Protein backbone atom coordinates (compact mmCIF):
# COMPACT_ATOMS: atom_id res chain seq x y z
CA MET A 1 -10.13 -32.42 14.74
CA THR A 2 -10.42 -34.48 11.67
CA ALA A 3 -11.64 -31.49 9.74
CA GLY A 4 -9.21 -29.33 10.53
CA GLY A 5 -6.56 -31.44 9.55
CA VAL A 6 -8.18 -32.42 6.33
CA CYS A 7 -8.36 -28.26 5.79
CA GLY A 8 -4.99 -27.79 6.48
CA PHE A 9 -3.84 -30.39 4.32
CA ALA A 10 -5.72 -29.07 1.42
CA ILE A 11 -4.12 -25.64 2.00
CA GLY A 12 -1.00 -27.22 1.75
CA PHE A 13 -1.59 -29.17 -0.97
CA PHE A 14 -2.85 -26.44 -2.96
CA THR A 15 -0.19 -23.91 -2.35
CA SER A 16 2.39 -26.26 -3.42
CA LEU A 17 0.39 -26.71 -6.91
CA GLN A 18 0.45 -23.03 -7.17
CA ILE A 19 3.78 -22.33 -5.96
CA LYS A 20 4.76 -24.91 -8.68
CA VAL A 21 2.41 -23.53 -11.74
CA THR A 22 3.73 -20.00 -10.62
CA SER A 23 6.14 -19.08 -7.79
CA ALA A 24 6.88 -18.50 -4.23
CA LEU A 25 6.34 -14.80 -4.95
CA THR A 26 3.09 -15.02 -6.96
CA HIS A 27 1.87 -16.73 -4.25
CA ASN A 28 2.86 -14.83 -1.22
CA ILE A 29 1.38 -11.47 -2.83
CA SER A 30 -1.87 -13.34 -3.57
CA GLY A 31 -1.93 -14.27 -0.24
CA THR A 32 -1.67 -11.19 0.79
CA ALA A 33 -4.06 -9.54 -1.40
CA LYS A 34 -6.84 -12.48 0.02
CA ALA A 35 -5.83 -11.13 3.29
CA CYS A 36 -6.39 -7.51 2.73
CA ALA A 37 -9.48 -8.53 0.63
CA GLN A 38 -11.07 -10.13 3.31
CA THR A 39 -10.30 -7.46 6.07
CA VAL A 40 -12.05 -4.54 3.49
CA LEU A 41 -15.07 -7.03 3.40
CA ALA A 42 -15.60 -7.42 6.91
CA THR A 43 -14.68 -4.23 7.68
CA TYR A 44 -17.87 -3.43 5.38
CA TRP A 45 -19.95 -6.61 7.27
CA TYR A 46 -19.39 -5.55 10.69
CA HIS A 47 -19.95 -2.12 9.61
CA GLN A 48 -16.55 -0.63 11.12
CA SER A 49 -14.99 2.71 10.51
CA LYS A 50 -11.86 3.15 9.53
CA SER A 51 -9.64 6.36 9.47
CA PHE A 52 -8.87 7.46 5.37
CA LEU A 53 -5.19 6.04 6.18
CA TRP A 54 -6.43 2.57 6.79
CA TRP A 55 -8.65 2.49 3.41
CA PHE A 56 -5.91 4.15 1.42
CA SER A 57 -3.11 1.35 2.88
CA ASN A 58 -5.33 -1.31 1.72
CA GLY A 59 -6.76 0.46 -1.30
CA ILE A 60 -2.35 0.51 -2.13
CA VAL A 61 -2.47 -3.07 -1.38
CA LEU A 62 -4.93 -4.36 -3.69
CA LEU A 63 -3.83 -1.94 -6.64
CA GLY A 64 -0.27 -3.62 -6.27
CA SER A 65 -1.35 -6.68 -6.10
CA ALA A 66 -3.63 -6.45 -9.24
CA ALA A 67 -0.91 -4.48 -11.20
CA TYR A 68 1.26 -7.37 -10.36
CA ALA A 69 -0.96 -9.67 -11.59
CA ARG A 70 -2.06 -7.76 -14.79
CA ILE A 71 2.56 -7.47 -15.57
CA LYS A 72 2.72 -11.51 -14.89
CA GLN A 73 -0.32 -11.68 -17.59
CA LEU A 74 1.17 -9.97 -20.23
CA ASP A 75 4.89 -11.49 -19.52
CA MET A 76 3.16 -14.41 -19.79
CA GLU A 77 0.87 -14.07 -22.95
CA LYS A 78 4.66 -12.71 -24.51
CA LYS A 79 6.35 -15.29 -23.46
CA TYR A 80 3.74 -18.39 -24.46
CA LYS A 81 2.53 -16.54 -27.84
CA ASP A 82 4.24 -17.76 -30.29
CA SER A 83 3.47 -21.54 -28.71
CA PRO A 84 1.08 -23.62 -30.78
CA HIS A 85 -1.05 -24.61 -27.60
CA TYR A 86 -1.69 -20.33 -27.10
CA THR A 87 -5.41 -19.44 -27.05
CA LYS A 88 -6.49 -16.01 -25.67
CA VAL A 89 -9.18 -16.70 -23.43
């Protein structure tokens, strides 16, 4: 029970840090992408057979999440490009 409490506290703490740095929408999208990726990996791990529409819908979620992340990345680069502390990684 203690380990569950510590993990729950850590999840809440890091969630608040993520929302503070990004936004609630970004946190929600990253959580959805994480859950989708875990589902796809579990399907592969347990050798489950799924229909084409199942794979297609999970692909849409992952590609949509990746597109959102890329658009936000480009937006942040444009916003902070003129900053004296800007360094492209």
